[in-house]
Amino acid sequence: MTQLKNRPNIDDKRLDLLDVDPAKFMELLAVDEFLHDSTIMSSVESLDRWTVYSYVRAGRFIIVAQEVTKENVSPIFVADADEVEFNSIVDAARRYWLESQ
């Protein structure tokens, strides 16, 4: 939950590539060291063989995911939510988890 709540706020115009060409966007994040390291969600549990990036930009919380396959190109999934609304959902889930322990 902490990792979801504390995603980096990145103001980089290259991230606009997601709207234009998602495949090129995934390539950019794979090769740009800063963007990759700051947005990768390496501790995502139960998503083996998936690449998951997340970040905040212009008040929006963005998650981009793609299954890593050797056979063919897999779809790229994008979730886009208002940052304040997303944080309230994370807070509620965290409270529920803490209270159920």
PDB file of N, CA and C in Angstrom:
ATOM      1  N   MET A   1       0.817  -1.195   0.000  1.00  0.00           N
ATOM      2  CA  MET A   1       0.000   0.000   0.000  1.00  0.00           C
ATOM      3  C   MET A   1       0.859   1.256   0.000  1.00  0.00           C
ATOM      4  N   THR A   2       1.967   1.199   0.735  1.00  0.00           N
ATOM      5  CA  THR A   2       2.841   2.368   0.793  1.00  0.00           C
ATOM      6  C   THR A   2       3.405   2.682  -0.581  1.00  0.00           C
ATOM      7  N   GLN A   3       3.766   1.637  -1.343  1.00  0.00           N
ATOM      8  CA  GLN A   3       4.315   1.874  -2.670  1.00  0.00           C
ATOM      9  C   GLN A   3       3.273   2.527  -3.576  1.00  0.00           C
ATOM     10  N   LEU A   4       2.029   2.119  -3.463  1.00  0.00           N
ATOM     11  CA  LEU A   4       0.982   2.727  -4.283  1.00  0.00           C
ATOM     12  C   LEU A   4       0.749   4.185  -3.902  1.00  0.00           C
ATOM     13  N   LYS A   5       0.802   4.479  -2.618  1.00  0.00           N
ATOM     14  CA  LYS A   5       0.528   5.837  -2.142  1.00  0.00           C
ATOM     15  C   LYS A   5       1.653   6.814  -2.493  1.00  0.00           C
ATOM     16  N   ASN A   6       2.862   6.317  -2.583  1.00  0.00           N
ATOM     17  CA  ASN A   6       4.019   7.194  -2.763  1.00  0.00           C
ATOM     18  C   ASN A   6       4.638   7.096  -4.154  1.00  0.00           C
ATOM     19  N   ARG A   7       3.820   7.131  -5.168  1.00  0.00           N
ATOM     20  CA  ARG A   7       4.342   7.082  -6.530  1.00  0.00           C
ATOM     21  C   ARG A   7       4.930   8.439  -6.906  1.00  0.00           C
ATOM     22  N   PRO A   8       5.947   8.424  -7.768  1.00  0.00           N
ATOM     23  CA  PRO A   8       6.603   9.689  -8.123  1.00  0.00           C
ATOM     24  C   PRO A   8       5.704  10.582  -8.972  1.00  0.00           C
ATOM     25  N   ASN A   9       5.859  11.879  -8.767  1.00  0.00           N
ATOM     26  CA  ASN A   9       5.183  12.869  -9.582  1.00  0.00           C
ATOM     27  C   ASN A   9       6.177  13.297 -10.651  1.00  0.00           C
ATOM     28  N   ILE A  10       5.894  12.951 -11.893  1.00  0.00           N
ATOM     29  CA  ILE A  10       6.852  13.183 -12.979  1.00  0.00           C
ATOM     30  C   ILE A  10       6.229  14.101 -14.014  1.00  0.00           C
ATOM     31  N   ASP A  11       6.900  15.216 -14.269  1.00  0.00           N
ATOM     32  CA  ASP A  11       6.445  16.157 -15.289  1.00  0.00           C
ATOM     33  C   ASP A  11       7.426  16.078 -16.460  1.00  0.00           C
ATOM     34  N   ASP A  12       7.246  15.069 -17.289  1.00  0.00           N
ATOM     35  CA  ASP A  12       8.134  14.828 -18.428  1.00  0.00           C
ATOM     36  C   ASP A  12       7.249  14.678 -19.662  1.00  0.00           C
ATOM     37  N   LYS A  13       7.394  15.587 -20.618  1.00  0.00           N
ATOM     38  CA  LYS A  13       6.538  15.580 -21.802  1.00  0.00           C
ATOM     39  C   LYS A  13       6.633  14.281 -22.601  1.00  0.00           C
ATOM     40  N   ARG A  14       7.722  13.541 -22.421  1.00  0.00           N
ATOM     41  CA  ARG A  14       7.847  12.273 -23.149  1.00  0.00           C
ATOM     42  C   ARG A  14       6.780  11.268 -22.720  1.00  0.00           C
ATOM     43  N   LEU A  15       6.217  11.464 -21.533  1.00  0.00           N
ATOM     44  CA  LEU A  15       5.161  10.563 -21.083  1.00  0.00           C
ATOM     45  C   LEU A  15       3.880  10.725 -21.897  1.00  0.00           C
ATOM     46  N   ASP A  16       3.762  11.820 -22.657  1.00  0.00           N
ATOM     47  CA  ASP A  16       2.628  12.001 -23.566  1.00  0.00           C
ATOM     48  C   ASP A  16       2.590  10.910 -24.630  1.00  0.00           C
ATOM     49  N   LEU A  17       3.714  10.255 -24.833  1.00  0.00           N
ATOM     50  CA  LEU A  17       3.800   9.179 -25.815  1.00  0.00           C
ATOM     51  C   LEU A  17       2.795   8.064 -25.519  1.00  0.00           C
ATOM     52  N   LEU A  18       2.409   7.906 -24.280  1.00  0.00           N
ATOM     53  CA  LEU A  18       1.434   6.880 -23.912  1.00  0.00           C
ATOM     54  C   LEU A  18       0.139   7.050 -24.697  1.00  0.00           C
ATOM     55  N   ASP A  19      -0.298   8.293 -24.877  1.00  0.00           N
ATOM     56  CA  ASP A  19      -1.548   8.553 -25.607  1.00  0.00           C
ATOM     57  C   ASP A  19      -1.403   8.371 -27.107  1.00  0.00           C
ATOM     58  N   VAL A  20      -0.194   8.547 -27.609  1.00  0.00           N
ATOM     59  CA  VAL A  20       0.049   8.512 -29.048  1.00  0.00           C
ATOM     60  C   VAL A  20       0.445   7.118 -29.523  1.00  0.00           C
ATOM     61  N   ASP A  21       1.376   6.490 -28.808  1.00  0.00           N
ATOM     62  CA  ASP A  21       1.912   5.190 -29.219  1.00  0.00           C
ATOM     63  C   ASP A  21       2.322   4.397 -27.979  1.00  0.00           C
ATOM     64  N   PRO A  22       1.386   3.647 -27.403  1.00  0.00           N
ATOM     65  CA  PRO A  22       1.686   2.909 -26.170  1.00  0.00           C
ATOM     66  C   PRO A  22       2.881   1.957 -26.278  1.00  0.00           C
ATOM     67  N   ALA A  23       3.079   1.352 -27.435  1.00  0.00           N
ATOM     68  CA  ALA A  23       4.219   0.437 -27.605  1.00  0.00           C
ATOM     69  C   ALA A  23       5.536   1.203 -27.495  1.00  0.00           C
ATOM     70  N   LYS A  24       5.612   2.359 -28.119  1.00  0.00           N
ATOM     71  CA  LYS A  24       6.822   3.191 -28.015  1.00  0.00           C
ATOM     72  C   LYS A  24       7.002   3.714 -26.598  1.00  0.00           C
ATOM     73  N   PHE A  25       5.896   4.010 -25.921  1.00  0.00           N
ATOM     74  CA  PHE A  25       5.945   4.431 -24.527  1.00  0.00           C
ATOM     75  C   PHE A  25       6.605   3.342 -23.679  1.00  0.00           C
ATOM     76  N   MET A  26       6.179   2.090 -23.870  1.00  0.00           N
ATOM     77  CA  MET A  26       6.768   0.979 -23.112  1.00  0.00           C
ATOM     78  C   MET A  26       8.253   0.832 -23.435  1.00  0.00           C
ATOM     79  N   GLU A  27       8.618   1.020 -24.679  1.00  0.00           N
ATOM     80  CA  GLU A  27      10.037   0.968 -25.068  1.00  0.00           C
ATOM     81  C   GLU A  27      10.816   2.085 -24.374  1.00  0.00           C
ATOM     82  N   LEU A  28      10.258   3.295 -24.345  1.00  0.00           N
ATOM     83  CA  LEU A  28      10.913   4.430 -23.699  1.00  0.00           C
ATOM     84  C   LEU A  28      11.177   4.123 -22.228  1.00  0.00           C
ATOM     85  N   LEU A  29      10.162   3.651 -21.515  1.00  0.00           N
ATOM     86  CA  LEU A  29      10.348   3.376 -20.092  1.00  0.00           C
ATOM     87  C   LEU A  29      11.312   2.222 -19.848  1.00  0.00           C
ATOM     88  N   ALA A  30      11.420   1.322 -20.797  1.00  0.00           N
ATOM     89  CA  ALA A  30      12.357   0.207 -20.649  1.00  0.00           C
ATOM     90  C   ALA A  30      13.809   0.653 -20.818  1.00  0.00           C
ATOM     91  N   VAL A  31      14.056   1.688 -21.635  1.00  0.00           N
ATOM     92  CA  VAL A  31      15.444   2.074 -21.920  1.00  0.00           C
ATOM     93  C   VAL A  31      15.905   3.344 -21.208  1.00  0.00           C
ATOM     94  N   ASP A  32      14.978   4.208 -20.802  1.00  0.00           N
ATOM     95  CA  ASP A  32      15.371   5.433 -20.108  1.00  0.00           C
ATOM     96  C   ASP A  32      15.558   5.111 -18.627  1.00  0.00           C
ATOM     97  N   GLU A  33      16.788   5.195 -18.146  1.00  0.00           N
ATOM     98  CA  GLU A  33      17.104   4.762 -16.785  1.00  0.00           C
ATOM     99  C   GLU A  33      16.297   5.514 -15.724  1.00  0.00           C
ATOM    100  N   PHE A  34      16.197   6.830 -15.842  1.00  0.00           N
ATOM    101  CA  PHE A  34      15.451   7.594 -14.845  1.00  0.00           C
ATOM    102  C   PHE A  34      13.979   7.206 -14.835  1.00  0.00           C
ATOM    103  N   LEU A  35      13.342   7.229 -16.016  1.00  0.00           N
ATOM    104  CA  LEU A  35      11.918   6.906 -16.076  1.00  0.00           C
ATOM    105  C   LEU A  35      11.654   5.476 -15.622  1.00  0.00           C
ATOM    106  N   HIS A  36      12.499   4.553 -16.055  1.00  0.00           N
ATOM    107  CA  HIS A  36      12.317   3.152 -15.661  1.00  0.00           C
ATOM    108  C   HIS A  36      12.425   2.989 -14.152  1.00  0.00           C
ATOM    109  N   ASP A  37      13.519   3.475 -13.590  1.00  0.00           N
ATOM    110  CA  ASP A  37      13.765   3.273 -12.156  1.00  0.00           C
ATOM    111  C   ASP A  37      12.727   3.966 -11.276  1.00  0.00           C
ATOM    112  N   SER A  38      12.232   5.110 -11.700  1.00  0.00           N
ATOM    113  CA  SER A  38      11.287   5.840 -10.852  1.00  0.00           C
ATOM    114  C   SER A  38       9.845   5.364 -11.008  1.00  0.00           C
ATOM    115  N   THR A  39       9.516   4.690 -12.101  1.00  0.00           N
ATOM    116  CA  THR A  39       8.122   4.291 -12.321  1.00  0.00           C
ATOM    117  C   THR A  39       7.866   2.799 -12.208  1.00  0.00           C
ATOM    118  N   ILE A  40       8.902   1.976 -12.279  1.00  0.00           N
ATOM    119  CA  ILE A  40       8.701   0.517 -12.257  1.00  0.00           C
ATOM    120  C   ILE A  40       8.131   0.094 -10.903  1.00  0.00           C
ATOM    121  N   MET A  41       7.211  -0.807 -10.935  1.00  0.00           N
ATOM    122  CA  MET A  41       6.652  -1.358  -9.695  1.00  0.00           C
ATOM    123  C   MET A  41       7.180  -2.785  -9.559  1.00  0.00           C
ATOM    124  N   SER A  42       8.417  -2.887  -9.149  1.00  0.00           N
ATOM    125  CA  SER A  42       9.082  -4.187  -9.104  1.00  0.00           C
ATOM    126  C   SER A  42       8.557  -5.091  -8.007  1.00  0.00           C
ATOM    127  N   SER A  43       7.906  -4.540  -7.015  1.00  0.00           N
ATOM    128  CA  SER A  43       7.423  -5.375  -5.910  1.00  0.00           C
ATOM    129  C   SER A  43       5.961  -5.770  -6.067  1.00  0.00           C
ATOM    130  N   VAL A  44       5.426  -5.634  -7.272  1.00  0.00           N
ATOM    131  CA  VAL A  44       4.035  -6.015  -7.498  1.00  0.00           C
ATOM    132  C   VAL A  44       3.923  -7.526  -7.296  1.00  0.00           C
ATOM    133  N   GLU A  45       3.080  -7.897  -6.347  1.00  0.00           N
ATOM    134  CA  GLU A  45       2.925  -9.311  -6.029  1.00  0.00           C
ATOM    135  C   GLU A  45       1.910  -9.971  -6.956  1.00  0.00           C
ATOM    136  N   SER A  46       2.118 -11.237  -7.220  1.00  0.00           N
ATOM    137  CA  SER A  46       1.199 -12.068  -8.001  1.00  0.00           C
ATOM    138  C   SER A  46       1.090 -11.630  -9.452  1.00  0.00           C
ATOM    139  N   LEU A  47       2.045 -10.917  -9.940  1.00  0.00           N
ATOM    140  CA  LEU A  47       2.035 -10.527 -11.353  1.00  0.00           C
ATOM    141  C   LEU A  47       3.354 -10.914 -12.015  1.00  0.00           C
ATOM    142  N   ASP A  48       3.765 -12.151 -11.823  1.00  0.00           N
ATOM    143  CA  ASP A  48       4.975 -12.622 -12.488  1.00  0.00           C
ATOM    144  C   ASP A  48       4.807 -12.492 -13.997  1.00  0.00           C
ATOM    145  N   ARG A  49       5.877 -12.160 -14.653  1.00  0.00           N
ATOM    146  CA  ARG A  49       5.921 -11.988 -16.111  1.00  0.00           C
ATOM    147  C   ARG A  49       5.096 -10.794 -16.596  1.00  0.00           C
ATOM    148  N   TRP A  50       4.938  -9.795 -15.747  1.00  0.00           N
ATOM    149  CA  TRP A  50       4.279  -8.562 -16.131  1.00  0.00           C
ATOM    150  C   TRP A  50       5.214  -7.396 -15.839  1.00  0.00           C
ATOM    151  N   THR A  51       5.199  -6.418 -16.712  1.00  0.00           N
ATOM    152  CA  THR A  51       5.894  -5.163 -16.465  1.00  0.00           C
ATOM    153  C   THR A  51       4.820  -4.158 -16.071  1.00  0.00           C
ATOM    154  N   VAL A  52       5.011  -3.531 -14.909  1.00  0.00           N
ATOM    155  CA  VAL A  52       4.014  -2.581 -14.409  1.00  0.00           C
ATOM    156  C   VAL A  52       4.728  -1.284 -14.040  1.00  0.00           C
ATOM    157  N   TYR A  53       4.298  -0.196 -14.643  1.00  0.00           N
ATOM    158  CA  TYR A  53       4.817   1.132 -14.347  1.00  0.00           C
ATOM    159  C   TYR A  53       3.689   1.954 -13.731  1.00  0.00           C
ATOM    160  N   SER A  54       4.036   2.853 -12.820  1.00  0.00           N
ATOM    161  CA  SER A  54       3.024   3.776 -12.296  1.00  0.00           C
ATOM    162  C   SER A  54       3.683   5.082 -11.897  1.00  0.00           C
ATOM    163  N   TYR A  55       2.905   6.143 -12.001  1.00  0.00           N
ATOM    164  CA  TYR A  55       3.409   7.477 -11.678  1.00  0.00           C
ATOM    165  C   TYR A  55       2.228   8.435 -11.596  1.00  0.00           C
ATOM    166  N   VAL A  56       2.499   9.626 -11.097  1.00  0.00           N
ATOM    167  CA  VAL A  56       1.502  10.692 -11.042  1.00  0.00           C
ATOM    168  C   VAL A  56       1.977  11.795 -11.988  1.00  0.00           C
ATOM    169  N   ARG A  57       1.042  12.302 -12.765  1.00  0.00           N
ATOM    170  CA  ARG A  57       1.364  13.407 -13.671  1.00  0.00           C
ATOM    171  C   ARG A  57       0.123  14.271 -13.833  1.00  0.00           C
ATOM    172  N   ALA A  58       0.293  15.545 -13.585  1.00  0.00           N
ATOM    173  CA  ALA A  58      -0.785  16.530 -13.748  1.00  0.00           C
ATOM    174  C   ALA A  58      -2.041  16.121 -12.977  1.00  0.00           C
ATOM    175  N   GLY A  59      -1.839  15.628 -11.738  1.00  0.00           N
ATOM    176  CA  GLY A  59      -2.973  15.285 -10.892  1.00  0.00           C
ATOM    177  C   GLY A  59      -3.652  13.975 -11.229  1.00  0.00           C
ATOM    178  N   ARG A  60      -3.059  13.207 -12.110  1.00  0.00           N
ATOM    179  CA  ARG A  60      -3.622  11.917 -12.517  1.00  0.00           C
ATOM    180  C   ARG A  60      -2.689  10.799 -12.079  1.00  0.00           C
ATOM    181  N   PHE A  61      -3.235   9.727 -11.553  1.00  0.00           N
ATOM    182  CA  PHE A  61      -2.463   8.548 -11.191  1.00  0.00           C
ATOM    183  C   PHE A  61      -2.570   7.570 -12.364  1.00  0.00           C
ATOM    184  N   ILE A  62      -1.431   7.175 -12.902  1.00  0.00           N
ATOM    185  CA  ILE A  62      -1.393   6.335 -14.098  1.00  0.00           C
ATOM    186  C   ILE A  62      -0.709   5.012 -13.762  1.00  0.00           C
ATOM    187  N   ILE A  63      -1.318   3.922 -14.175  1.00  0.00           N
ATOM    188  CA  ILE A  63      -0.682   2.604 -14.108  1.00  0.00           C
ATOM    189  C   ILE A  63      -0.723   2.020 -15.520  1.00  0.00           C
ATOM    190  N   VAL A  64       0.430   1.517 -15.964  1.00  0.00           N
ATOM    191  CA  VAL A  64       0.529   0.895 -17.282  1.00  0.00           C
ATOM    192  C   VAL A  64       1.111  -0.496 -17.080  1.00  0.00           C
ATOM    193  N   ALA A  65       0.469  -1.504 -17.668  1.00  0.00           N
ATOM    194  CA  ALA A  65       0.930  -2.880 -17.480  1.00  0.00           C
ATOM    195  C   ALA A  65       0.911  -3.635 -18.802  1.00  0.00           C
ATOM    196  N   GLN A  66       1.888  -4.532 -18.927  1.00  0.00           N
ATOM    197  CA  GLN A  66       1.958  -5.379 -20.114  1.00  0.00           C
ATOM    198  C   GLN A  66       2.581  -6.708 -19.719  1.00  0.00           C
ATOM    199  N   GLU A  67       1.959  -7.796 -20.159  1.00  0.00           N
ATOM    200  CA  GLU A  67       2.518  -9.116 -19.903  1.00  0.00           C
ATOM    201  C   GLU A  67       3.747  -9.314 -20.774  1.00  0.00           C
ATOM    202  N   VAL A  68       4.795  -9.883 -20.180  1.00  0.00           N
ATOM    203  CA  VAL A  68       6.025 -10.165 -20.910  1.00  0.00           C
ATOM    204  C   VAL A  68       5.893 -11.561 -21.516  1.00  0.00           C
ATOM    205  N   THR A  69       5.894 -11.622 -22.845  1.00  0.00           N
ATOM    206  CA  THR A  69       5.796 -12.907 -23.535  1.00  0.00           C
ATOM    207  C   THR A  69       6.876 -13.000 -24.591  1.00  0.00           C
ATOM    208  N   LYS A  70       7.227 -14.222 -24.941  1.00  0.00           N
ATOM    209  CA  LYS A  70       8.231 -14.435 -25.989  1.00  0.00           C
ATOM    210  C   LYS A  70       7.571 -14.671 -27.339  1.00  0.00           C
ATOM    211  N   GLU A  71       6.320 -15.074 -27.335  1.00  0.00           N
ATOM    212  CA  GLU A  71       5.664 -15.506 -28.558  1.00  0.00           C
ATOM    213  C   GLU A  71       5.101 -14.365 -29.392  1.00  0.00           C
ATOM    214  N   ASN A  72       4.385 -13.450 -28.763  1.00  0.00           N
ATOM    215  CA  ASN A  72       3.772 -12.357 -29.520  1.00  0.00           C
ATOM    216  C   ASN A  72       3.655 -11.120 -28.637  1.00  0.00           C
ATOM    217  N   VAL A  73       3.212 -10.050 -29.213  1.00  0.00           N
ATOM    218  CA  VAL A  73       3.061  -8.806 -28.464  1.00  0.00           C
ATOM    219  C   VAL A  73       1.752  -8.866 -27.685  1.00  0.00           C
ATOM    220  N   SER A  74       1.834  -8.586 -26.420  1.00  0.00           N
ATOM    221  CA  SER A  74       0.627  -8.620 -25.590  1.00  0.00           C
ATOM    222  C   SER A  74       0.034  -7.223 -25.471  1.00  0.00           C
ATOM    223  N   PRO A  75      -1.248  -7.144 -25.133  1.00  0.00           N
ATOM    224  CA  PRO A  75      -1.899  -5.833 -24.999  1.00  0.00           C
ATOM    225  C   PRO A  75      -1.279  -5.006 -23.868  1.00  0.00           C
ATOM    226  N   ILE A  76      -1.399  -3.720 -24.006  1.00  0.00           N
ATOM    227  CA  ILE A  76      -0.941  -2.789 -22.974  1.00  0.00           C
ATOM    228  C   ILE A  76      -2.187  -2.247 -22.283  1.00  0.00           C
ATOM    229  N   PHE A  77      -2.228  -2.416 -20.968  1.00  0.00           N
ATOM    230  CA  PHE A  77      -3.372  -1.969 -20.181  1.00  0.00           C
ATOM    231  C   PHE A  77      -3.017  -0.683 -19.451  1.00  0.00           C
ATOM    232  N   VAL A  78      -3.933   0.277 -19.479  1.00  0.00           N
ATOM    233  CA  VAL A  78      -3.704   1.570 -18.853  1.00  0.00           C
ATOM    234  C   VAL A  78      -4.865   1.896 -17.922  1.00  0.00           C
ATOM    235  N   ALA A  79      -4.524   2.293 -16.701  1.00  0.00           N
ATOM    236  CA  ALA A  79      -5.523   2.798 -15.762  1.00  0.00           C
ATOM    237  C   ALA A  79      -5.150   4.236 -15.440  1.00  0.00           C
ATOM    238  N   ASP A  80      -6.137   5.098 -15.447  1.00  0.00           N
ATOM    239  CA  ASP A  80      -5.919   6.525 -15.246  1.00  0.00           C
ATOM    240  C   ASP A  80      -6.995   7.010 -14.275  1.00  0.00           C
ATOM    241  N   ALA A  81      -6.557   7.526 -13.127  1.00  0.00           N
ATOM    242  CA  ALA A  81      -7.514   7.982 -12.120  1.00  0.00           C
ATOM    243  C   ALA A  81      -7.060   9.311 -11.536  1.00  0.00           C
ATOM    244  N   ASP A  82      -8.015  10.083 -11.054  1.00  0.00           N
ATOM    245  CA  ASP A  82      -7.689  11.311 -10.353  1.00  0.00           C
ATOM    246  C   ASP A  82      -6.845  10.947  -9.131  1.00  0.00           C
ATOM    247  N   GLU A  83      -5.746  11.660  -8.923  1.00  0.00           N
ATOM    248  CA  GLU A  83      -4.815  11.333  -7.837  1.00  0.00           C
ATOM    249  C   GLU A  83      -5.489  11.362  -6.465  1.00  0.00           C
ATOM    250  N   VAL A  84      -6.306  12.358  -6.205  1.00  0.00           N
ATOM    251  CA  VAL A  84      -6.968  12.480  -4.898  1.00  0.00           C
ATOM    252  C   VAL A  84      -7.920  11.306  -4.678  1.00  0.00           C
ATOM    253  N   GLU A  85      -8.702  10.967  -5.684  1.00  0.00           N
ATOM    254  CA  GLU A  85      -9.620   9.837  -5.567  1.00  0.00           C
ATOM    255  C   GLU A  85      -8.857   8.531  -5.381  1.00  0.00           C
ATOM    256  N   PHE A  86      -7.788   8.359  -6.153  1.00  0.00           N
ATOM    257  CA  PHE A  86      -6.998   7.135  -6.032  1.00  0.00           C
ATOM    258  C   PHE A  86      -6.414   7.013  -4.625  1.00  0.00           C
ATOM    259  N   ASN A  87      -5.864   8.101  -4.109  1.00  0.00           N
ATOM    260  CA  ASN A  87      -5.289   8.061  -2.755  1.00  0.00           C
ATOM    261  C   ASN A  87      -6.335   7.723  -1.701  1.00  0.00           C
ATOM    262  N   SER A  88      -7.564   8.197  -1.880  1.00  0.00           N
ATOM    263  CA  SER A  88      -8.600   7.867  -0.905  1.00  0.00           C
ATOM    264  C   SER A  88      -8.938   6.374  -0.956  1.00  0.00           C
ATOM    265  N   ILE A  89      -8.901   5.775  -2.126  1.00  0.00           N
ATOM    266  CA  ILE A  89      -9.130   4.331  -2.256  1.00  0.00           C
ATOM    267  C   ILE A  89      -7.999   3.553  -1.588  1.00  0.00           C
ATOM    268  N   VAL A  90      -6.763   3.957  -1.830  1.00  0.00           N
ATOM    269  CA  VAL A  90      -5.613   3.293  -1.205  1.00  0.00           C
ATOM    270  C   VAL A  90      -5.697   3.425   0.315  1.00  0.00           C
ATOM    271  N   ASP A  91      -6.036   4.607   0.804  1.00  0.00           N
ATOM    272  CA  ASP A  91      -6.166   4.813   2.254  1.00  0.00           C
ATOM    273  C   ASP A  91      -7.241   3.903   2.845  1.00  0.00           C
ATOM    274  N   ALA A  92      -8.372   3.801   2.171  1.00  0.00           N
ATOM    275  CA  ALA A  92      -9.457   2.951   2.666  1.00  0.00           C
ATOM    276  C   ALA A  92      -9.035   1.482   2.669  1.00  0.00           C
ATOM    277  N   ALA A  93      -8.356   1.039   1.626  1.00  0.00           N
ATOM    278  CA  ALA A  93      -7.891  -0.348   1.563  1.00  0.00           C
ATOM    279  C   ALA A  93      -6.851  -0.618   2.648  1.00  0.00           C
ATOM    280  N   ARG A  94      -5.982   0.340   2.878  1.00  0.00           N
ATOM    281  CA  ARG A  94      -4.958   0.177   3.913  1.00  0.00           C
ATOM    282  C   ARG A  94      -5.591   0.111   5.303  1.00  0.00           C
ATOM    283  N   ARG A  95      -6.548   0.984   5.564  1.00  0.00           N
ATOM    284  CA  ARG A  95      -7.251   0.955   6.856  1.00  0.00           C
ATOM    285  C   ARG A  95      -7.940  -0.389   7.072  1.00  0.00           C
ATOM    286  N   TYR A  96      -8.615  -0.874   6.030  1.00  0.00           N
ATOM    287  CA  TYR A  96      -9.296  -2.164   6.120  1.00  0.00           C
ATOM    288  C   TYR A  96      -8.290  -3.271   6.431  1.00  0.00           C
ATOM    289  N   TRP A  97      -7.178  -3.273   5.714  1.00  0.00           N
ATOM    290  CA  TRP A  97      -6.141  -4.292   5.916  1.00  0.00           C
ATOM    291  C   TRP A  97      -5.588  -4.233   7.342  1.00  0.00           C
ATOM    292  N   LEU A  98      -5.294  -3.039   7.825  1.00  0.00           N
ATOM    293  CA  LEU A  98      -4.739  -2.889   9.182  1.00  0.00           C
ATOM    294  C   LEU A  98      -5.748  -3.332  10.238  1.00  0.00           C
ATOM    295  N   GLU A  99      -7.024  -3.011  10.029  1.00  0.00           N
ATOM    296  CA  GLU A  99      -8.051  -3.384  11.002  1.00  0.00           C
ATOM    297  C   GLU A  99      -8.340  -4.887  10.995  1.00  0.00           C
ATOM    298  N   SER A 100      -8.071  -5.557   9.894  1.00  0.00           N
ATOM    299  CA  SER A 100      -8.358  -6.992   9.808  1.00  0.00           C
ATOM    300  C   SER A 100      -7.218  -7.852  10.327  1.00  0.00           C
ATOM    301  N   GLN A 101      -6.104  -7.232  10.690  1.00  0.00           N
ATOM    302  CA  GLN A 101      -4.942  -7.997  11.198  1.00  0.00           C
ATOM    303  C   GLN A 101      -5.122  -8.412  12.618  1.00  0.00           C
TER     304      GLN A 101
END
